[in-house]
Amino acid sequence: MKRHLQDEFFESQKNNRIMKKIISLLVLFVIIMTASAADKQVKSEMTKATVYRQNGKITRTATTTVSTGINKIIFTDLETVIQAQSIQVKMSPGVKLLSVSYGINYLKDKEIGKEYKVLSDSVELLNEDISWLAEQKRVLAAEENLLNQNIKLGSTQESVSVDELKALASYYSTRVKAIKKEYLGLNRKESKLKEIRSRIQNQMGQMNVNKSTPVGMIPVEITSNSSKTANFELSYVVTGVSWTPIYDIFSEGLDKNVKIVYKANVVQNTGVNWKNVKLTINTGNPNTNNSRPILNPRYLTPYVTAVVYDQSVYANTALVKGLDIKRSGEYEKKKEDAFYAPMEMVETITNMEFRVDQEYNIPADGKAHLVTMSDYDVPADYEYHTVPIMDKGAFLLAKLTDWGKLNLLAAYANIFLDNTYIGQSYINPNITVDTLLLSFGRDEKIIVDRQKVFSECKTSSLMGNIKHMMTYEIKIRTTKGTKISIDVLDQIPISNNKDYVVELIDKGGAEYLEKYGKLSWKMDLAPNESKTIRFQYSVKHPKNLTLQGL
């Protein structure tokens, strides 16, 4: 008993301490809210957004009245991903900034849109209907249970006549059937309503709306020389913003210029939707280390020698992955579907800026939203390119010179020829060659074939060597109605051992780059013309060896 009383005493003391803490917290909360209520809360309007490769810069404006002397103002409903050290405030003449800070309000109820409100109200009404159906089902179940009890009771009573028992059984059967039918009808209605509710809830989920969400706030303390209406401009850097470049490249024929449309996939997840905002796309990154590198002494240390490949031969073709482009069927793209907003391109000291003269709405959904920045009309020379040892297709290439003025970034490009989607390629401007190659895919009207037409193997009894003699033939035929130029590439093996001797016997009029075993032909074909190339080489090696790659 004594032990029980002690436990009750200690439990009472514990509850008292908890209640005191709760009361203290409530008092503190009231004090904080009372102090906040004394500060003037002002909403601002987003006017500009600069999007960097990583992060963004937001510009907002606000207007409010200020009194003479010190004023405390809180700019509310801001992003929760603001970098506090980047906040800048500009004010009307006669108004001076005393202090600025940044915080997050976790108690703010978020304003939801009309569409979401309609859907939310619909779900509430559906919940009421579903609850009413469930209540009706419970009533029917209770009635059926009561009938079952009465029918059992009636069957056990000796005073009940046969006629009464028959009437009771008939009523029971009729009513139970009616209950079952009504129950099934209620189930169907309930199932239908739940299906509708589920669809509405899925749609609400896609809208990514939270009724209560944290919002950023920037409290400022200012002093004014008079009572007036003052204008404020806030700017700051936010995280959760990025963009990636992508291109649409069009060609309408071999006698036409190439049109390059420069676009940006803008992603923002700041917690605040951008509505009617003018965008500036910047190629820089404010988070990049801006300190100049310091050159320290470099000391030699031993290491295991690595294999180094000379990539200079691939420098030109590495610009675009056009030769291994994948065909994707016929996808028609209408020019009128593309919207090109007026744009001003500005070259800053270190970066490029694209100021789009069009207001955009970009929700804070973390998804990519396409923004057109610029388009270029570029002169191009066209030629066909084939490497029949790898692929017997002929690929159309556009050669762009002086392409450095285009300010391109490394990115994927959607290729269109005669308004038909050809496929996707990759542009890499981070090279030092003069000509940019753009592939417009393979042309089925140019037929290329490569065959081994002669092969001979001889053994020398004197030296004990084997000599292989091989002849290849390349046939090119065009069924096009216009003259074409085509670049043909092939190769012969390269020896990296003095015991293996490779000799080019007949290069067939090709330019020969011995270091890489590369053969190249440039030729013109008239409409419906065919041409044949033939080349021959030999490989000699000791007969006790078997070689691959002949």
Protein backbone atom coordinates (compact mmCIF):
# COMPACT_ATOMS: atom_id res chain seq x y z
CA MET A 1 0.00 0.00 0.00
CA LYS A 2 2.76 2.36 0.99
CA ARG A 3 4.62 1.52 -2.23
CA HIS A 4 1.50 2.30 -4.23
CA LEU A 5 1.10 5.72 -2.60
CA GLN A 6 4.74 6.55 -3.32
CA ASP A 7 4.29 5.67 -6.98
CA GLU A 8 1.23 7.88 -7.19
CA PHE A 9 3.12 10.76 -5.53
CA PHE A 10 6.07 10.54 -7.93
CA GLU A 11 3.78 10.20 -10.93
CA SER A 12 1.91 13.33 -9.78
CA GLN A 13 5.15 15.27 -9.41
CA LYS A 14 6.25 14.14 -12.91
CA ASN A 15 2.97 15.29 -14.43
CA ASN A 16 3.28 18.64 -12.67
CA ARG A 17 6.76 19.18 -14.12
CA ILE A 18 5.50 18.32 -17.61
CA MET A 19 2.58 20.74 -17.26
CA LYS A 20 4.92 23.50 -16.09
CA LYS A 21 7.12 22.97 -19.14
CA ILE A 22 4.09 23.07 -21.45
CA ILE A 23 2.84 26.27 -19.84
CA SER A 24 6.29 27.85 -20.11
CA LEU A 25 6.48 26.96 -23.79
CA LEU A 26 3.01 28.37 -24.42
CA VAL A 27 3.92 31.61 -22.66
CA LEU A 28 7.13 31.84 -24.71
CA PHE A 29 5.15 31.19 -27.89
CA VAL A 30 2.66 33.96 -27.02
CA ILE A 31 5.52 36.37 -26.33
CA ILE A 32 7.16 35.53 -29.66
CA MET A 33 3.91 35.88 -31.57
CA THR A 34 3.07 39.13 -29.79
CA ALA A 35 6.49 40.56 -30.64
CA SER A 36 6.13 39.42 -34.25
CA ALA A 37 2.72 41.00 -34.48
CA ALA A 38 4.31 44.36 -33.73
CA ASP A 39 6.50 44.06 -36.82
CA LYS A 40 5.00 45.04 -40.18
CA GLN A 41 4.61 42.05 -42.48
CA VAL A 42 4.91 42.83 -46.19
CA LYS A 43 4.49 40.59 -49.22
CA SER A 44 6.74 41.11 -52.22
CA GLU A 45 6.40 40.33 -55.91
CA MET A 46 8.97 38.30 -57.82
CA THR A 47 10.00 40.21 -60.94
CA LYS A 48 13.15 38.47 -62.18
CA ALA A 49 14.90 35.16 -61.83
CA THR A 50 18.45 34.47 -62.96
CA VAL A 51 19.08 30.76 -63.42
CA TYR A 52 22.67 29.52 -63.17
CA ARG A 53 23.91 26.04 -64.04
CA GLN A 54 23.53 25.40 -60.33
CA ASN A 55 21.43 27.69 -58.07
CA GLY A 56 19.58 30.87 -58.96
CA LYS A 57 19.18 34.54 -58.09
CA ILE A 58 15.76 35.95 -57.23
CA THR A 59 14.77 39.63 -57.48
CA ARG A 60 11.64 40.88 -55.71
CA THR A 61 10.02 44.27 -55.29
CA ALA A 62 7.71 45.57 -52.57
CA THR A 63 6.03 48.84 -51.61
CA THR A 64 4.90 49.81 -48.13
CA THR A 65 4.46 52.84 -45.89
CA VAL A 66 7.13 53.68 -43.33
CA SER A 67 7.07 56.13 -40.45
CA THR A 68 9.73 58.56 -39.33
CA GLY A 69 12.51 56.88 -37.40
CA ILE A 70 13.11 53.19 -36.91
CA ASN A 71 10.79 50.66 -38.60
CA LYS A 72 10.78 46.86 -38.39
CA ILE A 73 9.55 45.11 -41.52
CA ILE A 74 9.27 41.40 -42.26
CA PHE A 75 9.14 40.34 -45.91
CA THR A 76 7.10 37.15 -45.83
CA ASP A 77 6.16 34.16 -48.02
CA LEU A 78 9.67 33.69 -49.39
CA GLU A 79 11.74 30.66 -50.31
CA THR A 80 13.14 28.37 -47.61
CA VAL A 81 16.40 27.79 -49.53
CA ILE A 82 17.81 31.32 -49.43
CA GLN A 83 21.55 31.74 -48.88
CA ALA A 84 21.45 34.32 -46.11
CA GLN A 85 24.87 35.82 -46.88
CA SER A 86 23.70 36.74 -50.40
CA ILE A 87 20.73 38.93 -49.39
CA GLN A 88 20.83 42.50 -50.73
CA VAL A 89 18.23 45.23 -50.07
CA LYS A 90 17.78 48.45 -52.08
CA MET A 91 15.45 51.21 -50.80
CA SER A 92 13.98 54.56 -51.73
CA PRO A 93 16.02 57.72 -51.04
CA GLY A 94 15.78 58.82 -47.42
CA VAL A 95 15.48 55.23 -46.17
CA LYS A 96 18.55 53.59 -44.63
CA LEU A 97 19.09 49.91 -43.86
CA LEU A 98 20.13 49.16 -40.29
CA SER A 99 20.05 45.35 -40.25
CA VAL A 100 18.85 42.37 -42.25
CA SER A 101 18.44 38.71 -41.33
CA TYR A 102 16.79 35.55 -42.58
CA GLY A 103 14.52 33.00 -40.95
CA ILE A 104 11.87 30.35 -41.62
CA ASN A 105 8.28 30.40 -40.42
CA TYR A 106 7.15 26.80 -39.84
CA LEU A 107 3.62 27.81 -38.77
CA LYS A 108 2.46 29.46 -41.97
CA ASP A 109 -0.60 28.01 -43.65
CA LYS A 110 -0.02 27.83 -47.36
CA GLU A 111 -2.54 29.40 -49.72
CA ILE A 112 -3.87 26.73 -52.03
CA GLY A 113 -5.25 27.29 -55.50
CA LYS A 114 -8.94 27.24 -56.49
CA GLU A 115 -8.56 23.98 -58.40
CA TYR A 116 -7.01 22.22 -55.43
CA LYS A 117 -9.69 23.66 -53.12
CA VAL A 118 -12.47 22.28 -55.37
CA LEU A 119 -10.84 18.85 -55.38
CA SER A 120 -10.33 18.93 -51.61
CA ASP A 121 -14.00 19.88 -51.03
CA SER A 122 -15.06 17.09 -53.37
CA VAL A 123 -13.09 14.55 -51.33
CA GLU A 124 -14.80 15.76 -48.13
CA LEU A 125 -18.26 15.37 -49.70
CA LEU A 126 -17.35 11.91 -50.98
CA ASN A 127 -16.14 10.93 -47.52
CA GLU A 128 -19.53 11.99 -46.07
CA ASP A 129 -21.39 9.96 -48.71
CA ILE A 130 -19.19 6.92 -48.11
CA SER A 131 -19.72 7.19 -44.35
CA TRP A 132 -23.51 7.42 -44.86
CA LEU A 133 -23.47 4.31 -47.07
CA ALA A 134 -21.45 2.47 -44.41
CA GLU A 135 -24.05 3.49 -41.80
CA GLN A 136 -26.87 2.22 -44.01
CA LYS A 137 -25.04 -1.09 -44.40
CA ARG A 138 -24.72 -1.39 -40.62
CA VAL A 139 -28.48 -0.79 -40.22
CA LEU A 140 -29.26 -3.49 -42.78
CA ALA A 141 -26.86 -5.91 -41.10
CA ALA A 142 -28.52 -5.23 -37.73
CA GLU A 143 -31.96 -5.81 -39.26
CA GLU A 144 -30.86 -9.08 -40.82
CA ASN A 145 -29.42 -10.20 -37.49
CA LEU A 146 -32.71 -9.34 -35.75
CA LEU A 147 -34.68 -11.33 -38.32
CA ASN A 148 -32.40 -14.32 -37.84
CA GLN A 149 -32.97 -14.20 -34.07
CA ASN A 150 -36.78 -13.89 -34.42
CA ILE A 151 -37.04 -16.73 -36.90
CA LYS A 152 -35.14 -18.98 -34.48
CA LEU A 153 -37.33 -17.87 -31.59
CA GLY A 154 -40.54 -18.47 -33.56
CA SER A 155 -39.51 -21.95 -34.59
CA THR A 156 -38.96 -22.99 -30.97
CA GLN A 157 -42.30 -21.72 -29.59
CA GLU A 158 -44.94 -24.41 -29.31
CA SER A 159 -47.82 -21.93 -29.27
CA VAL A 160 -47.11 -20.69 -32.82
CA SER A 161 -49.48 -22.19 -35.36
CA VAL A 162 -48.44 -23.65 -38.67
CA ASP A 163 -50.02 -20.75 -40.57
CA GLU A 164 -48.23 -18.21 -38.41
CA LEU A 165 -44.97 -20.06 -38.90
CA LYS A 166 -45.49 -20.09 -42.68
CA ALA A 167 -46.25 -16.37 -42.70
CA LEU A 168 -43.18 -15.71 -40.59
CA ALA A 169 -40.99 -17.77 -42.91
CA SER A 170 -42.41 -16.04 -46.00
CA TYR A 171 -41.79 -12.60 -44.52
CA TYR A 172 -38.29 -13.64 -43.47
CA SER A 173 -37.43 -14.90 -46.94
CA THR A 174 -38.82 -11.83 -48.69
CA ARG A 175 -37.21 -9.34 -46.36
CA VAL A 176 -33.80 -11.07 -46.27
CA LYS A 177 -33.73 -11.11 -50.07
CA ALA A 178 -34.56 -7.41 -50.12
CA ILE A 179 -31.85 -6.70 -47.56
CA LYS A 180 -29.27 -8.67 -49.60
CA LYS A 181 -30.24 -6.80 -52.78
CA GLU A 182 -30.11 -3.43 -51.05
CA TYR A 183 -26.79 -4.35 -49.47
CA LEU A 184 -25.32 -5.20 -52.87
CA GLY A 185 -26.55 -1.88 -54.25
CA LEU A 186 -24.92 0.00 -51.40
CA ASN A 187 -21.65 -1.89 -52.02
CA ARG A 188 -21.69 -0.90 -55.69
CA LYS A 189 -22.32 2.75 -54.80
CA GLU A 190 -19.57 2.65 -52.16
CA SER A 191 -17.10 1.07 -54.59
CA LYS A 192 -17.90 3.69 -57.24
CA LEU A 193 -17.53 6.57 -54.80
CA LYS A 194 -14.21 5.19 -53.51
CA GLU A 195 -12.95 4.89 -57.08
CA ILE A 196 -13.85 8.54 -57.78
CA ARG A 197 -12.25 9.60 -54.50
CA SER A 198 -9.05 7.70 -55.35
CA ARG A 199 -8.81 9.40 -58.76
CA ILE A 200 -9.30 12.84 -57.21
CA GLN A 201 -6.72 12.12 -54.53
CA ASN A 202 -4.24 10.96 -57.18
CA GLN A 203 -4.79 14.22 -59.05
CA MET A 204 -4.26 16.18 -55.84
CA GLY A 205 -1.04 14.27 -55.30
CA GLN A 206 0.18 15.32 -58.75
CA MET A 207 -0.44 18.96 -57.82
CA ASN A 208 2.16 18.67 -55.02
CA VAL A 209 0.31 20.98 -52.61
CA ASN A 210 0.73 20.99 -48.85
CA LYS A 211 -1.79 22.86 -46.76
CA SER A 212 0.89 23.75 -44.25
CA THR A 213 4.43 24.35 -45.37
CA PRO A 214 7.40 26.37 -44.09
CA VAL A 215 8.06 29.73 -45.74
CA GLY A 216 11.10 31.98 -45.66
CA MET A 217 11.11 35.49 -44.23
CA ILE A 218 13.55 38.38 -44.30
CA PRO A 219 13.22 40.73 -41.31
CA VAL A 220 14.81 44.15 -41.85
CA GLU A 221 15.28 47.14 -39.62
CA ILE A 222 15.33 50.50 -41.37
CA THR A 223 15.25 54.15 -40.49
CA SER A 224 13.40 56.78 -42.49
CA ASN A 225 13.81 60.56 -42.50
CA SER A 226 10.05 61.01 -42.91
CA SER A 227 6.74 59.21 -43.14
CA LYS A 228 6.32 58.07 -46.74
CA THR A 229 5.61 55.27 -49.15
CA ALA A 230 8.90 53.46 -49.73
CA ASN A 231 9.98 51.06 -52.45
CA PHE A 232 12.14 48.03 -51.71
CA GLU A 233 14.10 45.65 -53.95
CA LEU A 234 15.27 42.34 -52.54
CA SER A 235 17.75 40.06 -54.26
CA TYR A 236 19.31 36.83 -53.04
CA VAL A 237 20.72 33.49 -54.17
CA VAL A 238 18.66 30.33 -53.73
CA THR A 239 19.48 26.65 -54.00
CA GLY A 240 17.22 24.13 -55.71
CA VAL A 241 17.52 25.84 -59.11
CA SER A 242 19.43 24.62 -62.16
CA TRP A 243 19.34 24.38 -65.93
CA THR A 244 20.81 22.18 -68.63
CA PRO A 245 21.21 23.12 -72.28
CA ILE A 246 19.63 21.27 -75.17
CA TYR A 247 19.47 22.07 -78.88
CA ASP A 248 17.02 21.63 -81.71
CA ILE A 249 18.89 21.55 -85.01
CA PHE A 250 16.99 21.92 -88.29
CA SER A 251 17.95 21.55 -91.92
CA GLU A 252 15.56 21.88 -94.86
CA GLY A 253 17.97 20.81 -97.58
CA LEU A 254 21.56 20.65 -98.79
CA ASP A 255 21.31 24.19 -100.17
CA LYS A 256 19.93 25.65 -96.92
CA ASN A 257 21.52 27.00 -93.77
CA VAL A 258 21.39 25.08 -90.53
CA LYS A 259 19.12 26.49 -87.82
CA ILE A 260 20.25 25.90 -84.25
CA VAL A 261 17.67 26.59 -81.53
CA TYR A 262 19.31 27.02 -78.13
CA LYS A 263 17.06 25.87 -75.28
CA ALA A 264 17.27 25.39 -71.53
CA ASN A 265 15.61 22.78 -69.33
CA VAL A 266 14.93 24.85 -66.20
CA VAL A 267 14.32 23.06 -62.90
CA GLN A 268 13.31 24.81 -59.70
CA ASN A 269 12.31 23.36 -56.37
CA THR A 270 12.45 26.41 -54.13
CA GLY A 271 9.01 25.97 -52.61
CA VAL A 272 7.64 29.05 -54.38
CA ASN A 273 6.00 28.92 -57.82
CA TRP A 274 7.31 31.39 -60.40
CA LYS A 275 4.44 33.29 -61.98
CA ASN A 276 4.92 35.70 -64.88
CA VAL A 277 8.64 36.00 -64.20
CA LYS A 278 11.23 37.28 -66.68
CA LEU A 279 14.10 34.82 -66.87
CA THR A 280 17.81 35.30 -67.34
CA ILE A 281 19.77 32.15 -68.16
CA ASN A 282 23.40 32.43 -67.07
CA THR A 283 26.18 30.02 -68.04
CA GLY A 284 28.07 30.64 -64.79
CA ASN A 285 27.81 29.08 -61.36
CA PRO A 286 27.90 31.26 -58.22
CA ASN A 287 29.02 28.25 -56.14
CA THR A 288 32.14 27.64 -58.18
CA ASN A 289 35.41 28.34 -56.37
CA ASN A 290 36.31 31.88 -57.43
CA SER A 291 39.72 31.99 -55.81
CA ARG A 292 42.63 32.02 -58.23
CA PRO A 293 44.72 28.84 -58.14
CA ILE A 294 48.10 28.96 -56.41
CA LEU A 295 50.94 27.25 -58.25
CA ASN A 296 52.93 25.15 -55.79
CA PRO A 297 56.19 23.27 -56.47
CA ARG A 298 55.73 19.95 -58.29
CA TYR A 299 57.90 17.11 -57.08
CA LEU A 300 58.71 14.00 -59.07
CA THR A 301 57.60 10.65 -57.68
CA PRO A 302 57.95 7.19 -59.21
CA TYR A 303 54.84 5.53 -60.68
CA VAL A 304 53.85 2.61 -62.88
CA THR A 305 53.80 3.57 -66.54
CA ALA A 306 50.31 3.76 -67.98
CA VAL A 307 49.30 3.19 -71.57
CA VAL A 308 48.63 6.50 -73.33
CA TYR A 309 46.59 6.64 -76.50
CA ASP A 310 47.06 9.35 -79.07
CA GLN A 311 43.55 10.74 -79.54
CA SER A 312 44.38 13.44 -82.08
CA VAL A 313 43.07 11.30 -84.91
CA TYR A 314 39.68 11.21 -83.25
CA ALA A 315 39.50 14.89 -82.40
CA ASN A 316 37.30 15.84 -85.30
CA THR A 317 34.83 12.99 -85.16
CA ALA A 318 34.45 13.26 -81.39
CA LEU A 319 32.45 16.43 -81.78
CA VAL A 320 29.22 14.67 -82.42
CA LYS A 321 28.05 11.13 -81.82
CA GLY A 322 26.22 11.33 -85.07
CA LEU A 323 27.62 8.22 -86.67
CA ASP A 324 26.07 5.92 -84.08
CA ILE A 325 22.76 7.73 -84.04
CA LYS A 326 19.72 5.52 -83.40
CA ARG A 327 16.75 5.65 -85.72
CA SER A 328 13.49 6.16 -83.92
CA GLY A 329 10.76 6.12 -86.56
CA GLU A 330 9.10 9.02 -88.25
CA TYR A 331 8.26 11.77 -85.87
CA GLU A 332 6.93 14.90 -87.49
CA LYS A 333 7.58 18.25 -85.81
CA LYS A 334 5.76 21.30 -87.07
CA LYS A 335 7.63 24.58 -87.09
CA GLU A 336 4.59 26.44 -85.90
CA ASP A 337 4.60 24.39 -82.70
CA ALA A 338 7.90 25.95 -81.64
CA PHE A 339 7.67 29.31 -79.88
CA TYR A 340 10.67 31.59 -79.99
CA ALA A 341 10.55 34.33 -77.40
CA PRO A 342 12.49 37.53 -78.02
CA MET A 343 15.87 37.24 -76.38
CA GLU A 344 18.86 39.42 -75.65
CA MET A 345 22.25 37.73 -75.40
CA VAL A 346 24.73 39.59 -73.23
CA GLU A 347 28.36 38.64 -72.76
CA THR A 348 29.46 39.49 -69.23
CA ILE A 349 33.08 39.64 -68.15
CA THR A 350 33.22 35.91 -67.40
CA ASN A 351 29.90 34.36 -68.52
CA MET A 352 27.14 34.48 -71.10
CA GLU A 353 23.64 35.63 -70.21
CA PHE A 354 20.48 35.02 -72.18
CA ARG A 355 17.76 37.49 -71.17
CA VAL A 356 14.48 36.11 -72.36
CA ASP A 357 11.93 38.83 -73.09
CA GLN A 358 9.01 36.61 -72.23
CA GLU A 359 7.32 35.98 -68.90
CA TYR A 360 7.32 32.36 -67.79
CA ASN A 361 5.37 30.34 -65.24
CA ILE A 362 7.58 27.66 -63.70
CA PRO A 363 6.12 25.72 -60.76
CA ALA A 364 8.28 24.53 -57.89
CA ASP A 365 7.81 20.87 -58.80
CA GLY A 366 11.40 19.82 -59.43
CA LYS A 367 10.57 18.97 -63.07
CA ALA A 368 12.27 20.23 -66.23
CA HIS A 369 10.51 23.09 -68.03
CA LEU A 370 11.68 24.04 -71.51
CA VAL A 371 12.69 27.64 -72.19
CA THR A 372 13.82 28.87 -75.60
CA MET A 373 16.82 31.18 -75.30
CA SER A 374 18.14 31.86 -78.78
CA ASP A 375 18.29 30.63 -82.34
CA TYR A 376 21.05 30.90 -84.93
CA ASP A 377 20.92 30.69 -88.70
CA VAL A 378 24.30 29.23 -89.62
CA PRO A 379 25.84 28.69 -93.10
CA ALA A 380 26.87 25.08 -93.61
CA ASP A 381 28.61 22.85 -96.12
CA TYR A 382 27.08 19.41 -96.55
CA GLU A 383 28.78 16.14 -97.35
CA TYR A 384 28.15 12.45 -96.85
CA HIS A 385 30.33 10.26 -94.70
CA THR A 386 30.63 6.47 -94.72
CA VAL A 387 32.80 3.96 -92.88
CA PRO A 388 31.75 0.67 -94.53
CA ILE A 389 34.14 -1.46 -92.47
CA MET A 390 31.92 -0.56 -89.46
CA ASP A 391 28.56 0.48 -90.95
CA LYS A 392 27.45 0.33 -94.57
CA GLY A 393 25.30 3.42 -94.17
CA ALA A 394 25.99 6.88 -95.60
CA PHE A 395 25.53 9.67 -93.06
CA LEU A 396 24.77 13.28 -93.94
CA LEU A 397 27.08 15.75 -92.17
CA ALA A 398 26.80 19.52 -91.94
CA LYS A 399 30.16 21.25 -91.56
CA LEU A 400 30.06 24.52 -89.60
CA THR A 401 33.06 26.82 -89.58
CA ASP A 402 33.63 29.72 -87.22
CA TRP A 403 31.28 28.02 -84.81
CA GLY A 404 33.03 29.50 -81.75
CA LYS A 405 30.88 32.64 -82.10
CA LEU A 406 27.78 30.61 -81.26
CA ASN A 407 28.64 30.33 -77.54
CA LEU A 408 27.53 26.69 -77.43
CA LEU A 409 27.73 24.47 -74.39
CA ALA A 410 28.18 20.72 -74.36
CA ALA A 411 24.70 19.25 -74.69
CA TYR A 412 22.46 16.81 -76.52
CA ALA A 413 20.76 17.94 -79.69
CA ASN A 414 17.52 16.87 -81.35
CA ILE A 415 18.13 16.58 -85.11
CA PHE A 416 15.42 17.42 -87.68
CA LEU A 417 15.76 17.04 -91.45
CA ASP A 418 12.92 18.30 -93.66
CA ASN A 419 10.79 18.70 -90.50
CA THR A 420 11.25 15.02 -89.66
CA TYR A 421 12.84 13.95 -86.41
CA ILE A 422 16.02 12.00 -87.18
CA GLY A 423 17.38 11.25 -83.73
CA GLN A 424 19.60 12.68 -81.04
CA SER A 425 23.25 13.62 -81.19
CA TYR A 426 25.76 15.23 -78.85
CA ILE A 427 27.58 18.51 -79.36
CA ASN A 428 30.88 18.99 -77.59
CA PRO A 429 32.31 22.46 -78.16
CA ASN A 430 35.17 21.85 -75.72
CA ILE A 431 37.61 21.12 -78.51
CA THR A 432 40.04 23.22 -80.51
CA VAL A 433 39.27 22.22 -84.09
CA ASP A 434 37.97 24.73 -86.63
CA THR A 435 35.03 22.76 -87.99
CA LEU A 436 31.99 21.52 -86.10
CA LEU A 437 30.35 18.43 -87.57
CA LEU A 438 26.62 17.84 -87.16
CA SER A 439 25.17 14.52 -88.23
CA PHE A 440 21.69 14.40 -89.78
CA GLY A 441 21.55 10.63 -89.85
CA ARG A 442 21.79 8.05 -92.62
CA ASP A 443 20.46 8.49 -96.14
CA GLU A 444 18.83 5.33 -97.51
CA LYS A 445 19.17 6.63 -101.09
CA ILE A 446 22.92 6.06 -100.96
CA ILE A 447 23.88 2.39 -101.08
CA VAL A 448 27.32 1.33 -99.85
CA ASP A 449 28.80 -2.17 -100.02
CA ARG A 450 32.19 -3.55 -98.98
CA GLN A 451 33.40 -7.01 -99.94
CA LYS A 452 36.64 -9.02 -99.87
CA VAL A 453 37.15 -9.90 -103.54
CA PHE A 454 40.54 -11.60 -103.35
CA SER A 455 42.43 -13.53 -100.67
CA GLU A 456 45.66 -15.51 -101.03
CA CYS A 457 47.99 -17.16 -98.54
CA LYS A 458 51.53 -18.19 -99.49
CA THR A 459 54.22 -19.92 -97.43
CA SER A 460 57.92 -19.21 -97.99
CA SER A 461 59.98 -22.39 -97.52
CA LEU A 462 63.22 -20.40 -97.37
CA MET A 463 62.32 -17.92 -94.63
CA GLY A 464 59.53 -19.89 -93.00
CA ASN A 465 57.08 -16.98 -93.31
CA ILE A 466 53.44 -16.81 -94.31
CA LYS A 467 52.20 -14.00 -96.52
CA HIS A 468 48.54 -13.07 -96.75
CA MET A 469 47.34 -11.04 -99.73
CA MET A 470 43.89 -9.36 -99.49
CA THR A 471 41.90 -7.16 -101.84
CA TYR A 472 38.76 -5.27 -100.83
CA GLU A 473 36.21 -3.53 -103.01
CA ILE A 474 33.89 -0.73 -101.96
CA LYS A 475 30.91 0.14 -104.18
CA ILE A 476 28.98 3.37 -103.73
CA ARG A 477 25.76 4.07 -105.60
CA THR A 478 23.41 7.03 -105.28
CA THR A 479 19.78 7.07 -106.36
CA LYS A 480 19.38 10.74 -105.50
CA GLY A 481 18.44 13.24 -108.16
CA THR A 482 21.14 15.70 -107.13
CA LYS A 483 24.93 15.72 -107.09
CA ILE A 484 26.51 14.64 -103.79
CA SER A 485 29.94 14.70 -102.15
CA ILE A 486 30.95 11.75 -100.01
CA ASP A 487 33.91 11.02 -97.72
CA VAL A 488 34.82 7.31 -97.56
CA LEU A 489 36.95 5.93 -94.71
CA ASP A 490 38.56 2.53 -94.36
CA GLN A 491 41.68 1.05 -92.84
CA ILE A 492 44.34 -1.66 -92.99
CA PRO A 493 45.99 -3.37 -89.99
CA ILE A 494 48.90 -1.75 -88.15
CA SER A 495 51.90 -3.73 -86.96
CA ASN A 496 53.33 -3.19 -83.51
CA ASN A 497 55.93 -5.97 -83.88
CA LYS A 498 58.91 -6.17 -86.24
CA ASP A 499 58.00 -9.79 -87.03
CA TYR A 500 54.69 -8.66 -88.53
CA VAL A 501 55.09 -6.74 -91.77
CA VAL A 502 52.13 -4.90 -93.29
CA GLU A 503 52.45 -3.52 -96.81
CA LEU A 504 49.93 -1.38 -98.65
CA ILE A 505 50.21 -2.63 -102.24
CA ASP A 506 47.45 -0.59 -103.86
CA LYS A 507 45.76 2.26 -102.03
CA GLY A 508 43.22 2.80 -104.81
CA GLY A 509 43.77 6.54 -105.00
CA ALA A 510 43.21 7.06 -101.27
CA GLU A 511 44.96 9.44 -98.93
CA TYR A 512 46.93 7.20 -96.59
CA LEU A 513 47.73 8.03 -92.96
CA GLU A 514 50.30 5.34 -92.22
CA LYS A 515 50.49 5.95 -88.47
CA TYR A 516 46.87 4.84 -88.08
CA GLY A 517 46.45 2.67 -91.17
CA LYS A 518 43.71 5.04 -92.30
CA LEU A 519 42.50 5.26 -95.90
CA SER A 520 40.27 8.10 -97.03
CA TRP A 521 38.63 9.03 -100.33
CA LYS A 522 36.72 12.18 -101.23
CA MET A 523 34.57 11.94 -104.33
CA ASP A 524 31.61 13.51 -106.09
CA LEU A 525 28.78 11.46 -107.51
CA ALA A 526 26.39 12.68 -110.18
CA PRO A 527 22.68 11.79 -109.93
CA ASN A 528 22.20 7.99 -110.07
CA GLU A 529 25.96 7.40 -110.49
CA SER A 530 27.98 4.46 -109.12
CA LYS A 531 31.69 4.28 -108.29
CA THR A 532 33.97 1.46 -107.18
CA ILE A 533 37.05 1.65 -104.95
CA ARG A 534 39.57 -1.17 -104.72
CA PHE A 535 42.57 -1.45 -102.41
CA GLN A 536 45.05 -4.23 -101.63
CA TYR A 537 47.48 -4.99 -98.82
CA SER A 538 49.60 -7.86 -97.53
CA VAL A 539 50.58 -9.14 -94.11
CA LYS A 540 53.71 -11.26 -93.57
CA HIS A 541 54.47 -13.12 -90.33
CA PRO A 542 56.25 -16.27 -89.07
CA LYS A 543 54.31 -19.42 -89.87
CA ASN A 544 54.31 -20.58 -86.25
CA LEU A 545 52.12 -17.60 -85.31
CA THR A 546 48.42 -17.01 -85.82
CA LEU A 547 47.31 -13.37 -86.19
CA GLN A 548 43.98 -11.73 -85.54
CA GLY A 549 42.70 -8.61 -87.24
CA LEU A 550 43.88 -9.44 -90.76
